Amino acid sequence: MHPILTKRIEIPWARLRKAVAIVFVAIAITLVLYVLSAPPIIKAVWKVQIQRTHRAHWPEFYSPLLLGLESDSPIIHGVFKWYFNTVWGCGIMFFDDNPLGKTE
């Protein structure tokens, strides 16, 4: 048998674990920045679109956040609704909101 075929391959597990940890931390930071940057950008886009066309559309780049806003989970929906409307004052209206205070 050829000597190269009999040589044992050593995998640097410590370096591999460190690289995987760095990748996960980078992804987590990117996701946090993505969510935290959404409200001011959406407000700016809506302001420009309303001034130009009298209509506002959700920016396509942030459309995955709609899944959190439209979620049935009270935890996810509640946090997103609080962050977008209370902290940033985006004024996003939901079907379950009752802006006029009417009862059914």
PDB file of N, CA and C in Angstrom:
ATOM      1  N   MET A   1       0.841  -1.172   0.000  1.00  0.00           N
ATOM      2  CA  MET A   1       0.000   0.000   0.000  1.00  0.00           C
ATOM      3  C   MET A   1       0.894   1.246   0.000  1.00  0.00           C
ATOM      4  N   HIS A   2       0.422   2.251  -0.662  1.00  0.00           N
ATOM      5  CA  HIS A   2       1.171   3.494  -0.764  1.00  0.00           C
ATOM      6  C   HIS A   2       1.256   4.174   0.605  1.00  0.00           C
ATOM      7  N   PRO A   3       2.415   4.803   0.933  1.00  0.00           N
ATOM      8  CA  PRO A   3       2.574   5.412   2.266  1.00  0.00           C
ATOM      9  C   PRO A   3       1.599   6.565   2.532  1.00  0.00           C
ATOM     10  N   ILE A   4       1.178   7.259   1.509  1.00  0.00           N
ATOM     11  CA  ILE A   4       0.234   8.364   1.713  1.00  0.00           C
ATOM     12  C   ILE A   4      -1.121   7.820   2.138  1.00  0.00           C
ATOM     13  N   LEU A   5      -1.499   6.659   1.617  1.00  0.00           N
ATOM     14  CA  LEU A   5      -2.775   6.067   1.971  1.00  0.00           C
ATOM     15  C   LEU A   5      -2.799   5.556   3.406  1.00  0.00           C
ATOM     16  N   THR A   6      -1.668   5.259   3.960  1.00  0.00           N
ATOM     17  CA  THR A   6      -1.614   4.745   5.328  1.00  0.00           C
ATOM     18  C   THR A   6      -1.416   5.847   6.359  1.00  0.00           C
ATOM     19  N   LYS A   7      -1.164   7.068   5.920  1.00  0.00           N
ATOM     20  CA  LYS A   7      -0.936   8.175   6.843  1.00  0.00           C
ATOM     21  C   LYS A   7      -2.264   8.590   7.486  1.00  0.00           C
ATOM     22  N   ARG A   8      -2.215   8.820   8.766  1.00  0.00           N
ATOM     23  CA  ARG A   8      -3.419   9.212   9.515  1.00  0.00           C
ATOM     24  C   ARG A   8      -3.677  10.711   9.334  1.00  0.00           C
ATOM     25  N   ILE A   9      -4.924  11.029   9.086  1.00  0.00           N
ATOM     26  CA  ILE A   9      -5.311  12.424   8.908  1.00  0.00           C
ATOM     27  C   ILE A   9      -5.757  12.969  10.265  1.00  0.00           C
ATOM     28  N   GLU A  10      -5.128  14.051  10.687  1.00  0.00           N
ATOM     29  CA  GLU A  10      -5.478  14.682  11.956  1.00  0.00           C
ATOM     30  C   GLU A  10      -6.407  15.866  11.686  1.00  0.00           C
ATOM     31  N   ILE A  11      -7.529  15.874  12.370  1.00  0.00           N
ATOM     32  CA  ILE A  11      -8.481  16.972  12.234  1.00  0.00           C
ATOM     33  C   ILE A  11      -8.290  17.916  13.412  1.00  0.00           C
ATOM     34  N   PRO A  12      -8.055  19.192  13.145  1.00  0.00           N
ATOM     35  CA  PRO A  12      -7.840  20.150  14.236  1.00  0.00           C
ATOM     36  C   PRO A  12      -9.183  20.554  14.876  1.00  0.00           C
ATOM     37  N   TRP A  13      -9.689  19.708  15.802  1.00  0.00           N
ATOM     38  CA  TRP A  13     -11.011  19.924  16.376  1.00  0.00           C
ATOM     39  C   TRP A  13     -11.114  21.249  17.124  1.00  0.00           C
ATOM     40  N   ALA A  14     -10.087  21.639  17.827  1.00  0.00           N
ATOM     41  CA  ALA A  14     -10.141  22.891  18.595  1.00  0.00           C
ATOM     42  C   ALA A  14     -10.309  24.087  17.662  1.00  0.00           C
ATOM     43  N   ARG A  15      -9.560  24.111  16.594  1.00  0.00           N
ATOM     44  CA  ARG A  15      -9.680  25.216  15.629  1.00  0.00           C
ATOM     45  C   ARG A  15     -11.027  25.188  14.937  1.00  0.00           C
ATOM     46  N   LEU A  16     -11.526  23.986  14.642  1.00  0.00           N
ATOM     47  CA  LEU A  16     -12.817  23.841  13.984  1.00  0.00           C
ATOM     48  C   LEU A  16     -13.945  24.334  14.888  1.00  0.00           C
ATOM     49  N   ARG A  17     -13.904  23.970  16.181  1.00  0.00           N
ATOM     50  CA  ARG A  17     -14.910  24.451  17.134  1.00  0.00           C
ATOM     51  C   ARG A  17     -14.875  25.970  17.250  1.00  0.00           C
ATOM     52  N   LYS A  18     -13.691  26.535  17.280  1.00  0.00           N
ATOM     53  CA  LYS A  18     -13.546  27.990  17.386  1.00  0.00           C
ATOM     54  C   LYS A  18     -14.119  28.668  16.144  1.00  0.00           C
ATOM     55  N   ALA A  19     -13.867  28.115  14.974  1.00  0.00           N
ATOM     56  CA  ALA A  19     -14.387  28.692  13.730  1.00  0.00           C
ATOM     57  C   ALA A  19     -15.907  28.616  13.691  1.00  0.00           C
ATOM     58  N   VAL A  20     -16.476  27.487  14.127  1.00  0.00           N
ATOM     59  CA  VAL A  20     -17.928  27.344  14.152  1.00  0.00           C
ATOM     60  C   VAL A  20     -18.543  28.338  15.134  1.00  0.00           C
ATOM     61  N   ALA A  21     -17.918  28.505  16.297  1.00  0.00           N
ATOM     62  CA  ALA A  21     -18.414  29.471  17.283  1.00  0.00           C
ATOM     63  C   ALA A  21     -18.381  30.892  16.729  1.00  0.00           C
ATOM     64  N   ILE A  22     -17.329  31.235  16.031  1.00  0.00           N
ATOM     65  CA  ILE A  22     -17.218  32.576  15.436  1.00  0.00           C
ATOM     66  C   ILE A  22     -18.306  32.786  14.386  1.00  0.00           C
ATOM     67  N   VAL A  23     -18.575  31.775  13.582  1.00  0.00           N
ATOM     68  CA  VAL A  23     -19.622  31.883  12.556  1.00  0.00           C
ATOM     69  C   VAL A  23     -20.986  32.072  13.209  1.00  0.00           C
ATOM     70  N   PHE A  24     -21.286  31.303  14.266  1.00  0.00           N
ATOM     71  CA  PHE A  24     -22.578  31.445  14.945  1.00  0.00           C
ATOM     72  C   PHE A  24     -22.719  32.811  15.602  1.00  0.00           C
ATOM     73  N   VAL A  25     -21.667  33.320  16.206  1.00  0.00           N
ATOM     74  CA  VAL A  25     -21.713  34.654  16.819  1.00  0.00           C
ATOM     75  C   VAL A  25     -21.924  35.724  15.741  1.00  0.00           C
ATOM     76  N   ALA A  26     -21.262  35.589  14.622  1.00  0.00           N
ATOM     77  CA  ALA A  26     -21.432  36.552  13.528  1.00  0.00           C
ATOM     78  C   ALA A  26     -22.862  36.524  12.990  1.00  0.00           C
ATOM     79  N   ILE A  27     -23.441  35.336  12.849  1.00  0.00           N
ATOM     80  CA  ILE A  27     -24.822  35.229  12.382  1.00  0.00           C
ATOM     81  C   ILE A  27     -25.777  35.840  13.394  1.00  0.00           C
ATOM     82  N   ALA A  28     -25.555  35.584  14.678  1.00  0.00           N
ATOM     83  CA  ALA A  28     -26.420  36.144  15.724  1.00  0.00           C
ATOM     84  C   ALA A  28     -26.351  37.663  15.739  1.00  0.00           C
ATOM     85  N   ILE A  29     -25.164  38.215  15.631  1.00  0.00           N
ATOM     86  CA  ILE A  29     -25.013  39.679  15.608  1.00  0.00           C
ATOM     87  C   ILE A  29     -25.688  40.260  14.376  1.00  0.00           C
ATOM     88  N   THR A  30     -25.539  39.616  13.239  1.00  0.00           N
ATOM     89  CA  THR A  30     -26.175  40.084  12.011  1.00  0.00           C
ATOM     90  C   THR A  30     -27.696  40.077  12.137  1.00  0.00           C
ATOM     91  N   LEU A  31     -28.265  39.012  12.713  1.00  0.00           N
ATOM     92  CA  LEU A  31     -29.714  38.946  12.889  1.00  0.00           C
ATOM     93  C   LEU A  31     -30.215  40.015  13.857  1.00  0.00           C
ATOM     94  N   VAL A  32     -29.495  40.253  14.931  1.00  0.00           N
ATOM     95  CA  VAL A  32     -29.891  41.288  15.889  1.00  0.00           C
ATOM     96  C   VAL A  32     -29.848  42.662  15.228  1.00  0.00           C
ATOM     97  N   LEU A  33     -28.794  42.947  14.487  1.00  0.00           N
ATOM     98  CA  LEU A  33     -28.705  44.233  13.788  1.00  0.00           C
ATOM     99  C   LEU A  33     -29.790  44.372  12.729  1.00  0.00           C
ATOM    100  N   TYR A  34     -30.140  43.280  12.066  1.00  0.00           N
ATOM    101  CA  TYR A  34     -31.203  43.282  11.065  1.00  0.00           C
ATOM    102  C   TYR A  34     -32.534  43.674  11.692  1.00  0.00           C
ATOM    103  N   VAL A  35     -32.864  43.056  12.839  1.00  0.00           N
ATOM    104  CA  VAL A  35     -34.135  43.352  13.498  1.00  0.00           C
ATOM    105  C   VAL A  35     -34.110  44.752  14.106  1.00  0.00           C
ATOM    106  N   LEU A  36     -33.014  45.132  14.743  1.00  0.00           N
ATOM    107  CA  LEU A  36     -32.950  46.445  15.389  1.00  0.00           C
ATOM    108  C   LEU A  36     -32.930  47.600  14.388  1.00  0.00           C
ATOM    109  N   SER A  37     -32.439  47.364  13.191  1.00  0.00           N
ATOM    110  CA  SER A  37     -32.382  48.435  12.193  1.00  0.00           C
ATOM    111  C   SER A  37     -33.657  48.564  11.381  1.00  0.00           C
ATOM    112  N   ALA A  38     -34.569  47.618  11.518  1.00  0.00           N
ATOM    113  CA  ALA A  38     -35.781  47.624  10.704  1.00  0.00           C
ATOM    114  C   ALA A  38     -36.681  48.836  10.941  1.00  0.00           C
ATOM    115  N   PRO A  39     -37.066  49.168  12.174  1.00  0.00           N
ATOM    116  CA  PRO A  39     -38.027  50.261  12.362  1.00  0.00           C
ATOM    117  C   PRO A  39     -37.593  51.618  11.817  1.00  0.00           C
ATOM    118  N   PRO A  40     -36.361  52.079  12.061  1.00  0.00           N
ATOM    119  CA  PRO A  40     -36.022  53.394  11.503  1.00  0.00           C
ATOM    120  C   PRO A  40     -35.991  53.409   9.981  1.00  0.00           C
ATOM    121  N   ILE A  41     -35.550  52.309   9.381  1.00  0.00           N
ATOM    122  CA  ILE A  41     -35.512  52.251   7.916  1.00  0.00           C
ATOM    123  C   ILE A  41     -36.928  52.202   7.361  1.00  0.00           C
ATOM    124  N   ILE A  42     -37.798  51.414   8.001  1.00  0.00           N
ATOM    125  CA  ILE A  42     -39.184  51.332   7.543  1.00  0.00           C
ATOM    126  C   ILE A  42     -39.878  52.681   7.681  1.00  0.00           C
ATOM    127  N   LYS A  43     -39.644  53.367   8.797  1.00  0.00           N
ATOM    128  CA  LYS A  43     -40.251  54.692   8.975  1.00  0.00           C
ATOM    129  C   LYS A  43     -39.777  55.657   7.897  1.00  0.00           C
ATOM    130  N   ALA A  44     -38.486  55.620   7.582  1.00  0.00           N
ATOM    131  CA  ALA A  44     -37.946  56.521   6.557  1.00  0.00           C
ATOM    132  C   ALA A  44     -38.527  56.191   5.187  1.00  0.00           C
ATOM    133  N   VAL A  45     -38.623  54.906   4.859  1.00  0.00           N
ATOM    134  CA  VAL A  45     -39.177  54.503   3.568  1.00  0.00           C
ATOM    135  C   VAL A  45     -40.635  54.906   3.476  1.00  0.00           C
ATOM    136  N   TRP A  46     -41.407  54.663   4.552  1.00  0.00           N
ATOM    137  CA  TRP A  46     -42.815  55.039   4.543  1.00  0.00           C
ATOM    138  C   TRP A  46     -42.984  56.542   4.386  1.00  0.00           C
ATOM    139  N   LYS A  47     -42.133  57.311   5.055  1.00  0.00           N
ATOM    140  CA  LYS A  47     -42.237  58.770   4.980  1.00  0.00           C
ATOM    141  C   LYS A  47     -42.011  59.245   3.545  1.00  0.00           C
ATOM    142  N   VAL A  48     -41.006  58.695   2.890  1.00  0.00           N
ATOM    143  CA  VAL A  48     -40.703  59.086   1.503  1.00  0.00           C
ATOM    144  C   VAL A  48     -41.816  58.611   0.572  1.00  0.00           C
ATOM    145  N   GLN A  49     -42.292  57.376   0.763  1.00  0.00           N
ATOM    146  CA  GLN A  49     -43.331  56.850  -0.132  1.00  0.00           C
ATOM    147  C   GLN A  49     -44.647  57.589   0.049  1.00  0.00           C
ATOM    148  N   ILE A  50     -44.974  57.936   1.284  1.00  0.00           N
ATOM    149  CA  ILE A  50     -46.226  58.663   1.510  1.00  0.00           C
ATOM    150  C   ILE A  50     -46.153  60.050   0.888  1.00  0.00           C
ATOM    151  N   GLN A  51     -44.992  60.692   0.981  1.00  0.00           N
ATOM    152  CA  GLN A  51     -44.846  62.018   0.379  1.00  0.00           C
ATOM    153  C   GLN A  51     -44.946  61.959  -1.138  1.00  0.00           C
ATOM    154  N   ARG A  52     -44.476  60.886  -1.742  1.00  0.00           N
ATOM    155  CA  ARG A  52     -44.472  60.791  -3.210  1.00  0.00           C
ATOM    156  C   ARG A  52     -45.765  60.224  -3.773  1.00  0.00           C
ATOM    157  N   THR A  53     -46.272  59.154  -3.160  1.00  0.00           N
ATOM    158  CA  THR A  53     -47.374  58.434  -3.786  1.00  0.00           C
ATOM    159  C   THR A  53     -48.627  58.352  -2.923  1.00  0.00           C
ATOM    160  N   HIS A  54     -48.593  58.859  -1.721  1.00  0.00           N
ATOM    161  CA  HIS A  54     -49.716  58.772  -0.784  1.00  0.00           C
ATOM    162  C   HIS A  54     -50.040  57.335  -0.411  1.00  0.00           C
ATOM    163  N   ARG A  55     -49.125  56.432  -0.658  1.00  0.00           N
ATOM    164  CA  ARG A  55     -49.268  55.026  -0.273  1.00  0.00           C
ATOM    165  C   ARG A  55     -47.932  54.556   0.264  1.00  0.00           C
ATOM    166  N   ALA A  56     -47.980  53.648   1.221  1.00  0.00           N
ATOM    167  CA  ALA A  56     -46.748  53.105   1.782  1.00  0.00           C
ATOM    168  C   ALA A  56     -46.728  51.590   1.620  1.00  0.00           C
ATOM    169  N   HIS A  57     -45.590  51.067   1.217  1.00  0.00           N
ATOM    170  CA  HIS A  57     -45.415  49.629   1.047  1.00  0.00           C
ATOM    171  C   HIS A  57     -44.287  49.166   1.954  1.00  0.00           C
ATOM    172  N   TRP A  58     -44.410  47.954   2.435  1.00  0.00           N
ATOM    173  CA  TRP A  58     -43.383  47.357   3.278  1.00  0.00           C
ATOM    174  C   TRP A  58     -42.141  47.090   2.424  1.00  0.00           C
ATOM    175  N   PRO A  59     -40.942  47.520   2.856  1.00  0.00           N
ATOM    176  CA  PRO A  59     -39.729  47.244   2.074  1.00  0.00           C
ATOM    177  C   PRO A  59     -39.480  45.732   1.966  1.00  0.00           C
ATOM    178  N   GLU A  60     -39.173  45.279   0.771  1.00  0.00           N
ATOM    179  CA  GLU A  60     -39.003  43.844   0.513  1.00  0.00           C
ATOM    180  C   GLU A  60     -37.886  43.223   1.349  1.00  0.00           C
ATOM    181  N   PHE A  61     -36.843  43.985   1.652  1.00  0.00           N
ATOM    182  CA  PHE A  61     -35.716  43.454   2.415  1.00  0.00           C
ATOM    183  C   PHE A  61     -36.154  43.025   3.816  1.00  0.00           C
ATOM    184  N   TYR A  62     -37.159  43.688   4.358  1.00  0.00           N
ATOM    185  CA  TYR A  62     -37.630  43.378   5.709  1.00  0.00           C
ATOM    186  C   TYR A  62     -38.905  42.534   5.709  1.00  0.00           C
ATOM    187  N   SER A  63     -39.272  41.952   4.594  1.00  0.00           N
ATOM    188  CA  SER A  63     -40.483  41.137   4.556  1.00  0.00           C
ATOM    189  C   SER A  63     -40.418  39.902   5.466  1.00  0.00           C
ATOM    190  N   PRO A  64     -39.250  39.303   5.744  1.00  0.00           N
ATOM    191  CA  PRO A  64     -39.242  38.195   6.707  1.00  0.00           C
ATOM    192  C   PRO A  64     -39.700  38.605   8.107  1.00  0.00           C
ATOM    193  N   LEU A  65     -39.572  39.869   8.457  1.00  0.00           N
ATOM    194  CA  LEU A  65     -40.042  40.318   9.763  1.00  0.00           C
ATOM    195  C   LEU A  65     -41.562  40.290   9.854  1.00  0.00           C
ATOM    196  N   LEU A  66     -42.234  40.303   8.713  1.00  0.00           N
ATOM    197  CA  LEU A  66     -43.691  40.198   8.731  1.00  0.00           C
ATOM    198  C   LEU A  66     -44.147  38.882   9.349  1.00  0.00           C
ATOM    199  N   LEU A  67     -43.340  37.832   9.213  1.00  0.00           N
ATOM    200  CA  LEU A  67     -43.689  36.557   9.824  1.00  0.00           C
ATOM    201  C   LEU A  67     -43.785  36.696  11.338  1.00  0.00           C
ATOM    202  N   GLY A  68     -42.881  37.480  11.925  1.00  0.00           N
ATOM    203  CA  GLY A  68     -42.937  37.713  13.369  1.00  0.00           C
ATOM    204  C   GLY A  68     -44.083  38.616  13.760  1.00  0.00           C
ATOM    205  N   LEU A  69     -44.352  39.613  12.934  1.00  0.00           N
ATOM    206  CA  LEU A  69     -45.452  40.525  13.234  1.00  0.00           C
ATOM    207  C   LEU A  69     -46.808  39.860  13.051  1.00  0.00           C
ATOM    208  N   GLU A  70     -46.913  38.947  12.103  1.00  0.00           N
ATOM    209  CA  GLU A  70     -48.176  38.269  11.831  1.00  0.00           C
ATOM    210  C   GLU A  70     -48.314  36.944  12.571  1.00  0.00           C
ATOM    211  N   SER A  71     -47.337  36.618  13.402  1.00  0.00           N
ATOM    212  CA  SER A  71     -47.342  35.344  14.109  1.00  0.00           C
ATOM    213  C   SER A  71     -48.507  35.258  15.083  1.00  0.00           C
ATOM    214  N   ASP A  72     -48.997  34.030  15.301  1.00  0.00           N
ATOM    215  CA  ASP A  72     -50.055  33.798  16.282  1.00  0.00           C
ATOM    216  C   ASP A  72     -49.494  33.707  17.695  1.00  0.00           C
ATOM    217  N   SER A  73     -48.184  33.536  17.804  1.00  0.00           N
ATOM    218  CA  SER A  73     -47.559  33.422  19.112  1.00  0.00           C
ATOM    219  C   SER A  73     -47.626  34.763  19.838  1.00  0.00           C
ATOM    220  N   PRO A  74     -48.214  34.802  21.043  1.00  0.00           N
ATOM    221  CA  PRO A  74     -48.291  36.079  21.758  1.00  0.00           C
ATOM    222  C   PRO A  74     -46.923  36.603  22.164  1.00  0.00           C
ATOM    223  N   ILE A  75     -45.963  35.705  22.333  1.00  0.00           N
ATOM    224  CA  ILE A  75     -44.624  36.144  22.741  1.00  0.00           C
ATOM    225  C   ILE A  75     -43.940  36.860  21.577  1.00  0.00           C
ATOM    226  N   ILE A  76     -43.883  36.211  20.421  1.00  0.00           N
ATOM    227  CA  ILE A  76     -43.207  36.810  19.266  1.00  0.00           C
ATOM    228  C   ILE A  76     -43.967  38.037  18.782  1.00  0.00           C
ATOM    229  N   HIS A  77     -45.273  37.902  18.598  1.00  0.00           N
ATOM    230  CA  HIS A  77     -46.075  39.022  18.100  1.00  0.00           C
ATOM    231  C   HIS A  77     -46.036  40.190  19.089  1.00  0.00           C
ATOM    232  N   GLY A  78     -46.132  39.894  20.374  1.00  0.00           N
ATOM    233  CA  GLY A  78     -46.138  40.950  21.377  1.00  0.00           C
ATOM    234  C   GLY A  78     -44.837  41.735  21.408  1.00  0.00           C
ATOM    235  N   VAL A  79     -43.721  41.026  21.319  1.00  0.00           N
ATOM    236  CA  VAL A  79     -42.416  41.696  21.336  1.00  0.00           C
ATOM    237  C   VAL A  79     -42.233  42.542  20.087  1.00  0.00           C
ATOM    238  N   PHE A  80     -42.551  41.987  18.917  1.00  0.00           N
ATOM    239  CA  PHE A  80     -42.415  42.745  17.678  1.00  0.00           C
ATOM    240  C   PHE A  80     -43.337  43.965  17.685  1.00  0.00           C
ATOM    241  N   LYS A  81     -44.573  43.773  18.120  1.00  0.00           N
ATOM    242  CA  LYS A  81     -45.532  44.874  18.143  1.00  0.00           C
ATOM    243  C   LYS A  81     -45.062  45.967  19.097  1.00  0.00           C
ATOM    244  N   TRP A  82     -44.577  45.571  20.267  1.00  0.00           N
ATOM    245  CA  TRP A  82     -44.070  46.551  21.229  1.00  0.00           C
ATOM    246  C   TRP A  82     -42.884  47.313  20.649  1.00  0.00           C
ATOM    247  N   TYR A  83     -41.933  46.592  20.051  1.00  0.00           N
ATOM    248  CA  TYR A  83     -40.715  47.232  19.543  1.00  0.00           C
ATOM    249  C   TYR A  83     -41.014  48.184  18.388  1.00  0.00           C
ATOM    250  N   PHE A  84     -41.844  47.751  17.451  1.00  0.00           N
ATOM    251  CA  PHE A  84     -42.130  48.584  16.285  1.00  0.00           C
ATOM    252  C   PHE A  84     -43.025  49.769  16.632  1.00  0.00           C
ATOM    253  N   ASN A  85     -44.061  49.531  17.433  1.00  0.00           N
ATOM    254  CA  ASN A  85     -45.036  50.590  17.681  1.00  0.00           C
ATOM    255  C   ASN A  85     -44.718  51.446  18.898  1.00  0.00           C
ATOM    256  N   THR A  86     -44.305  50.857  20.001  1.00  0.00           N
ATOM    257  CA  THR A  86     -44.063  51.636  21.207  1.00  0.00           C
ATOM    258  C   THR A  86     -42.693  52.297  21.190  1.00  0.00           C
ATOM    259  N   VAL A  87     -41.661  51.517  20.904  1.00  0.00           N
ATOM    260  CA  VAL A  87     -40.302  52.066  20.931  1.00  0.00           C
ATOM    261  C   VAL A  87     -40.072  53.019  19.760  1.00  0.00           C
ATOM    262  N   TRP A  88     -40.447  52.616  18.543  1.00  0.00           N
ATOM    263  CA  TRP A  88     -40.154  53.415  17.360  1.00  0.00           C
ATOM    264  C   TRP A  88     -41.354  54.194  16.841  1.00  0.00           C
ATOM    265  N   GLY A  89     -42.534  53.899  17.325  1.00  0.00           N
ATOM    266  CA  GLY A  89     -43.717  54.639  16.891  1.00  0.00           C
ATOM    267  C   GLY A  89     -44.028  54.483  15.418  1.00  0.00           C
ATOM    268  N   CYS A  90     -43.874  53.279  14.897  1.00  0.00           N
ATOM    269  CA  CYS A  90     -44.135  53.042  13.470  1.00  0.00           C
ATOM    270  C   CYS A  90     -45.621  53.117  13.140  1.00  0.00           C
ATOM    271  N   GLY A  91     -46.482  52.852  14.090  1.00  0.00           N
ATOM    272  CA  GLY A  91     -47.905  52.932  13.836  1.00  0.00           C
ATOM    273  C   GLY A  91     -48.431  51.811  12.971  1.00  0.00           C
ATOM    274  N   ILE A  92     -47.860  50.625  13.107  1.00  0.00           N
ATOM    275  CA  ILE A  92     -48.331  49.481  12.334  1.00  0.00           C
ATOM    276  C   ILE A  92     -49.647  49.017  12.941  1.00  0.00           C
ATOM    277  N   MET A  93     -50.670  48.897  12.114  1.00  0.00           N
ATOM    278  CA  MET A  93     -51.996  48.486  12.575  1.00  0.00           C
ATOM    279  C   MET A  93     -52.161  46.985  12.322  1.00  0.00           C
ATOM    280  N   PHE A  94     -52.792  46.308  13.269  1.00  0.00           N
ATOM    281  CA  PHE A  94     -53.042  44.882  13.161  1.00  0.00           C
ATOM    282  C   PHE A  94     -54.549  44.653  13.180  1.00  0.00           C
ATOM    283  N   PHE A  95     -54.972  43.508  12.650  1.00  0.00           N
ATOM    284  CA  PHE A  95     -56.399  43.205  12.616  1.00  0.00           C
ATOM    285  C   PHE A  95     -56.988  43.069  14.013  1.00  0.00           C
ATOM    286  N   ASP A  96     -56.177  42.636  14.978  1.00  0.00           N
ATOM    287  CA  ASP A  96     -56.698  42.469  16.326  1.00  0.00           C
ATOM    288  C   ASP A  96     -56.739  43.782  17.098  1.00  0.00           C
ATOM    289  N   ASP A  97     -56.157  44.843  16.553  1.00  0.00           N
ATOM    290  CA  ASP A  97     -56.219  46.162  17.192  1.00  0.00           C
ATOM    291  C   ASP A  97     -57.607  46.741  17.017  1.00  0.00           C
ATOM    292  N   ASN A  98     -58.027  47.509  17.986  1.00  0.00           N
ATOM    293  CA  ASN A  98     -59.328  48.154  17.914  1.00  0.00           C
ATOM    294  C   ASN A  98     -59.097  49.654  18.114  1.00  0.00           C
ATOM    295  N   PRO A  99     -58.684  50.365  17.043  1.00  0.00           N
ATOM    296  CA  PRO A  99     -58.280  51.768  17.201  1.00  0.00           C
ATOM    297  C   PRO A  99     -59.420  52.690  17.599  1.00  0.00           C
ATOM    298  N   LEU A 100     -60.640  52.356  17.284  1.00  0.00           N
ATOM    299  CA  LEU A 100     -61.762  53.245  17.590  1.00  0.00           C
ATOM    300  C   LEU A 100     -62.411  52.904  18.928  1.00  0.00           C
ATOM    301  N   GLY A 101     -61.956  51.854  19.570  1.00  0.00           N
ATOM    302  CA  GLY A 101     -62.500  51.468  20.856  1.00  0.00           C
ATOM    303  C   GLY A 101     -63.881  50.852  20.776  1.00  0.00           C
ATOM    304  N   LYS A 102     -64.257  50.405  19.600  1.00  0.00           N
ATOM    305  CA  LYS A 102     -65.580  49.785  19.436  1.00  0.00           C
ATOM    306  C   LYS A 102     -65.574  48.372  19.943  1.00  0.00           C
ATOM    307  N   THR A 103     -66.679  47.963  20.514  1.00  0.00           N
ATOM    308  CA  THR A 103     -66.819  46.578  20.934  1.00  0.00           C
ATOM    309  C   THR A 103     -67.767  45.887  19.981  1.00  0.00           C
ATOM    310  N   GLU A 104     -67.584  44.592  19.846  1.00  0.00           N
ATOM    311  CA  GLU A 104     -68.424  43.853  18.896  1.00  0.00           C
ATOM    312  C   GLU A 104     -69.675  43.356  19.536  1.00  0.00           C
TER     313      GLU A 104
END
